[in-house]
N, C-alpha and C. Protein backbone atom coordinates (compact mmCIF):
# COMPACT_ATOMS: atom_id res chain seq x y z
N MET A 1 112.59 130.04 80.39
CA MET A 1 112.38 128.96 81.20
C MET A 1 112.39 130.29 82.17
N GLY A 2 111.46 129.58 82.92
CA GLY A 2 111.71 130.30 84.41
C GLY A 2 111.96 129.71 85.76
N THR A 3 111.63 130.15 86.86
CA THR A 3 113.06 130.34 87.48
C THR A 3 112.49 129.08 88.89
N ARG A 4 112.90 128.05 89.05
CA ARG A 4 112.92 126.89 90.11
C ARG A 4 112.63 127.86 91.98
N THR A 5 112.23 127.88 92.66
CA THR A 5 112.38 128.14 93.70
C THR A 5 112.03 127.03 95.10
N ARG A 6 112.43 127.15 95.61
CA ARG A 6 112.01 126.03 96.85
C ARG A 6 110.40 126.33 97.92
N PRO A 7 110.02 124.32 97.77
CA PRO A 7 108.73 124.53 98.28
C PRO A 7 108.74 125.14 99.66
N THR A 8 107.54 126.02 99.77
CA THR A 8 107.50 125.92 101.20
C THR A 8 106.99 124.91 102.10
N SER A 9 106.04 124.09 101.64
CA SER A 9 105.53 123.25 102.33
C SER A 9 105.18 122.32 101.88
N VAL A 10 105.22 120.47 102.00
CA VAL A 10 104.27 120.13 100.71
C VAL A 10 103.07 119.25 101.39
N THR A 11 102.33 119.01 100.38
CA THR A 11 101.30 118.51 100.67
C THR A 11 101.29 117.00 101.14
N ARG A 12 101.06 116.47 102.63
CA ARG A 12 101.26 114.92 102.53
C ARG A 12 100.14 115.12 101.77
N ASN A 13 98.68 114.96 101.16
CA ASN A 13 97.88 114.47 100.72
C ASN A 13 98.40 113.98 98.73
N THR A 14 98.95 114.82 98.21
CA THR A 14 99.49 114.62 98.01
C THR A 14 100.50 114.16 96.75
N PRO A 15 100.74 113.23 96.95
CA PRO A 15 101.93 113.02 96.83
C PRO A 15 102.88 113.27 95.01
N ALA A 16 101.88 113.23 94.78
CA ALA A 16 102.14 114.19 92.96
C ALA A 16 103.26 114.75 92.49
N SER A 17 102.20 116.11 92.98
CA SER A 17 102.39 117.52 92.78
C SER A 17 103.78 117.71 94.15
N ALA A 18 103.73 116.55 95.91
CA ALA A 18 104.61 117.20 96.12
C ALA A 18 105.72 116.32 95.58
N SER A 19 105.96 115.50 94.70
CA SER A 19 107.51 114.80 94.14
C SER A 19 107.52 116.06 93.31
N VAL A 20 106.89 116.27 93.01
CA VAL A 20 107.25 117.81 91.20
C VAL A 20 107.99 119.46 92.41
N GLU A 21 107.46 119.70 93.42
CA GLU A 21 108.23 120.23 94.16
C GLU A 21 109.26 120.57 94.80
N LEU A 22 109.33 118.77 95.72
CA LEU A 22 110.58 118.07 96.04
C LEU A 22 111.57 117.73 94.62
N ASP A 23 111.24 117.67 93.69
CA ASP A 23 112.21 118.06 91.99
C ASP A 23 112.36 118.99 91.98
N ALA A 24 112.23 120.20 92.31
CA ALA A 24 112.59 121.69 92.38
C ALA A 24 114.01 121.88 93.10
N ALA A 25 112.67 121.48 93.84
CA ALA A 25 114.48 121.65 95.74
C ALA A 25 115.64 121.30 95.29
N ALA A 26 115.29 120.01 94.73
CA ALA A 26 116.80 118.85 95.07
C ALA A 26 117.40 119.76 93.27
N SER A 27 116.71 120.62 93.19
CA SER A 27 117.60 121.23 91.46
C SER A 27 118.83 121.46 92.98
N ASP A 28 119.19 122.18 93.81
CA ASP A 28 120.47 122.30 94.02
C ASP A 28 121.18 121.38 94.71
N ASP A 29 120.97 119.71 95.24
CA ASP A 29 121.01 119.08 95.83
C ASP A 29 121.92 117.74 94.35
N ASP A 30 121.84 118.40 94.05
CA ASP A 30 122.32 117.38 92.47
C ASP A 30 123.60 118.03 92.76
N LYS A 31 123.33 118.46 92.39
CA LYS A 31 125.52 119.72 93.04
C LYS A 31 126.06 118.48 93.30
N LEU A 32 125.62 118.16 94.55
CA LEU A 32 127.15 117.17 94.80
C LEU A 32 127.36 115.96 93.88
N THR A 33 125.40 115.37 93.50
CA THR A 33 125.35 113.88 93.31
C THR A 33 126.15 114.18 91.86
N MET A 34 126.94 115.08 91.26
CA MET A 34 127.24 115.17 89.91
C MET A 34 128.92 115.79 90.26
N SER A 35 129.07 116.06 91.04
CA SER A 35 130.27 116.25 91.81
C SER A 35 131.33 115.37 92.93
N ASP A 36 130.90 114.16 93.05
CA ASP A 36 131.04 113.77 94.57
C ASP A 36 131.93 112.68 93.71
N ASP A 37 132.65 112.35 93.92
CA ASP A 37 133.41 111.42 92.80
C ASP A 37 132.44 109.80 93.61
N GLU A 38 132.23 109.62 95.30
CA GLU A 38 131.03 108.64 95.22
C GLU A 38 129.63 108.80 93.93
N ARG A 39 128.98 109.64 93.39
CA ARG A 39 127.70 109.46 93.17
C ARG A 39 127.02 109.65 94.21
N PRO A 40 126.60 110.22 95.08
CA PRO A 40 125.46 109.50 95.23
C PRO A 40 124.33 110.54 95.41
N LEU A 41 122.93 109.27 95.09
CA LEU A 41 121.72 109.69 94.66
C LEU A 41 120.96 110.48 95.83
N LEU A 42 120.05 111.45 95.75
CA LEU A 42 119.12 112.11 96.30
C LEU A 42 118.24 110.69 96.70
N ALA A 43 117.67 110.55 98.10
CA ALA A 43 116.16 109.48 98.35
C ALA A 43 115.23 110.36 98.75
N VAL A 44 114.06 110.95 98.45
CA VAL A 44 113.32 112.00 99.21
C VAL A 44 112.38 110.58 100.32
N ASP A 45 111.31 111.03 101.09
CA ASP A 45 111.20 110.93 101.91
C ASP A 45 109.22 111.62 100.74
N LEU A 46 108.74 110.71 100.34
CA LEU A 46 107.05 111.57 99.71
C LEU A 46 105.93 111.43 101.12
N TYR A 47 106.23 110.35 101.69
CA TYR A 47 105.27 109.92 102.45
C TYR A 47 104.56 109.72 103.88
N THR A 48 106.05 109.91 105.18
CA THR A 48 105.56 109.37 106.57
C THR A 48 106.40 110.85 106.40
N GLU A 49 107.52 111.82 106.57
CA GLU A 49 108.25 112.41 106.56
C GLU A 49 107.96 113.08 105.12
N PRO A 50 106.98 114.30 104.08
CA PRO A 50 107.26 114.74 103.07
C PRO A 50 108.58 115.69 103.34
N GLY A 51 110.10 115.61 102.64
CA GLY A 51 110.79 116.47 102.35
C GLY A 51 112.48 115.61 103.02
N ARG A 52 111.87 114.78 103.93
CA ARG A 52 112.74 114.05 104.98
C ARG A 52 114.02 113.68 103.58
N THR A 53 114.79 113.61 103.30
CA THR A 53 116.12 112.97 102.72
C THR A 53 117.32 112.04 103.34
N PHE A 54 118.25 111.46 102.41
CA PHE A 54 119.35 111.20 103.14
C PHE A 54 119.56 110.39 101.82
N ARG A 55 121.58 109.84 101.74
CA ARG A 55 121.97 109.78 99.92
C ARG A 55 122.03 108.38 99.77
N VAL A 56 122.49 108.07 98.76
CA VAL A 56 122.94 106.55 98.63
C VAL A 56 123.81 106.60 97.64
N PRO A 57 124.74 105.96 97.91
CA PRO A 57 125.65 105.51 96.62
C PRO A 57 125.79 104.55 96.27
N PRO A 58 126.44 104.41 95.03
CA PRO A 58 124.80 103.36 94.01
C PRO A 58 125.08 101.90 94.97
N ARG A 59 126.81 102.12 95.06
CA ARG A 59 126.70 100.71 95.96
C ARG A 59 125.75 100.38 96.40
N TRP A 60 124.58 100.73 97.49
CA TRP A 60 123.99 101.12 98.48
C TRP A 60 122.72 100.87 97.68
N TYR A 61 122.83 101.17 96.56
CA TYR A 61 121.06 101.64 96.15
C TYR A 61 120.43 100.33 95.85
N ARG A 62 121.21 98.95 95.37
CA ARG A 62 120.30 97.86 94.68
C ARG A 62 119.61 97.11 96.24
N GLU A 63 120.14 97.92 97.52
CA GLU A 63 120.08 97.43 98.68
C GLU A 63 118.65 98.29 99.52
N VAL A 64 118.07 99.14 99.56
CA VAL A 64 117.66 100.15 99.47
C VAL A 64 116.37 100.35 98.23
N SER A 65 116.83 100.06 97.73
CA SER A 65 115.45 99.68 96.04
C SER A 65 114.73 98.33 96.19
N ALA A 66 115.55 97.49 96.22
CA ALA A 66 115.12 96.54 97.06
C ALA A 66 114.23 96.11 98.17
N ASN A 67 114.56 95.89 99.04
CA ASN A 67 113.98 96.57 100.20
C ASN A 67 112.46 97.47 100.64
N LEU A 68 112.92 98.82 99.99
CA LEU A 68 111.37 99.84 100.53
C LEU A 68 110.68 99.42 99.15
N SER A 69 110.94 99.24 97.99
CA SER A 69 110.00 98.36 96.86
C SER A 69 108.95 97.25 96.80
N ILE A 70 109.95 96.03 98.34
CA ILE A 70 108.91 95.13 98.91
C ILE A 70 108.20 94.93 100.12
N ALA A 71 108.41 96.72 100.49
CA ALA A 71 107.50 96.93 101.58
C ALA A 71 108.51 96.41 102.75
N ASN A 72 109.61 95.69 102.77
CA ASN A 72 110.78 95.11 103.98
C ASN A 72 111.56 95.52 104.64
N LEU A 73 111.61 96.91 104.50
CA LEU A 73 112.34 98.50 105.42
C LEU A 73 111.45 98.91 104.91
N ASP A 74 111.08 100.47 105.91
CA ASP A 74 111.19 101.56 105.72
C ASP A 74 111.62 102.39 105.54
N PHE A 75 111.90 103.67 105.09
CA PHE A 75 112.49 104.82 103.55
C PHE A 75 113.20 105.09 105.30
N ASP A 76 112.53 105.23 106.38
CA ASP A 76 113.07 105.98 107.81
C ASP A 76 114.20 105.37 108.72
N ASP A 77 113.66 103.46 108.17
CA ASP A 77 114.78 102.31 108.80
C ASP A 77 116.49 102.60 108.14
N PHE A 78 116.65 102.81 106.28
CA PHE A 78 117.54 103.53 105.69
C PHE A 78 117.44 105.52 106.58
N ALA A 79 117.25 106.05 106.41
CA ALA A 79 117.69 107.23 107.08
C ALA A 79 117.87 108.03 108.06
N ASP A 80 117.23 106.65 109.27
CA ASP A 80 118.04 107.02 111.14
C ASP A 80 119.39 106.02 110.31
N SER A 81 119.56 104.78 109.56
CA SER A 81 121.28 104.42 109.63
C SER A 81 121.92 105.17 108.99
N ALA A 82 121.69 106.53 108.39
CA ALA A 82 122.63 107.26 107.33
C ALA A 82 123.93 107.72 108.06
N ASP A 83 124.81 107.98 108.22
CA ASP A 83 126.27 108.63 108.97
C ASP A 83 125.89 109.99 109.30
N GLN A 84 126.86 110.37 109.76
CA GLN A 84 126.25 111.97 110.69
C GLN A 84 126.14 112.61 108.57
N VAL A 85 126.51 112.37 108.05
CA VAL A 85 126.72 113.60 106.66
C VAL A 85 125.49 113.32 105.57
N GLY A 86 124.93 112.52 106.49
CA GLY A 86 123.06 111.98 105.61
C GLY A 86 123.30 110.79 104.74
N THR A 87 124.10 110.11 104.66
CA THR A 87 124.39 109.02 103.26
C THR A 87 124.80 107.63 103.88
N PHE A 88 123.70 107.11 103.95
CA PHE A 88 123.01 105.00 104.27
C PHE A 88 124.49 104.46 103.53
N ARG A 89 124.69 103.77 104.18
CA ARG A 89 126.43 103.10 103.77
C ARG A 89 126.13 101.65 104.18
N GLY A 90 124.63 100.91 104.39
CA GLY A 90 124.75 100.19 105.04
C GLY A 90 124.39 100.05 106.59
N PHE A 91 124.06 98.65 107.18
CA PHE A 91 123.32 98.85 108.12
C PHE A 91 124.46 98.21 109.27
N ASP A 92 124.69 98.51 109.97
CA ASP A 92 126.40 98.00 111.47
C ASP A 92 125.13 96.56 111.24
N GLY A 93 126.43 95.78 111.07
CA GLY A 93 126.28 94.63 111.89
C GLY A 93 125.69 93.86 111.09
């Protein structure tokens, strides 16, 4: 099996290849998902700012997924609302 390395850049015009590169880069971050009691998933922007991330605890996954899939909100809306450690825990107010 080959060794995975972090990508040096992500090509904005090729989201499919960016997804593969980011998958390889996220392997280290998956340790947090598997070790944290809350099991926060890693959300990765593949379009606007490829490589930008935030964490999503399962409790908030439905809200994030539904709003992104119908384009009601953008990735930035959730990432900008993440707490100091980069985890989205709902919108204030």
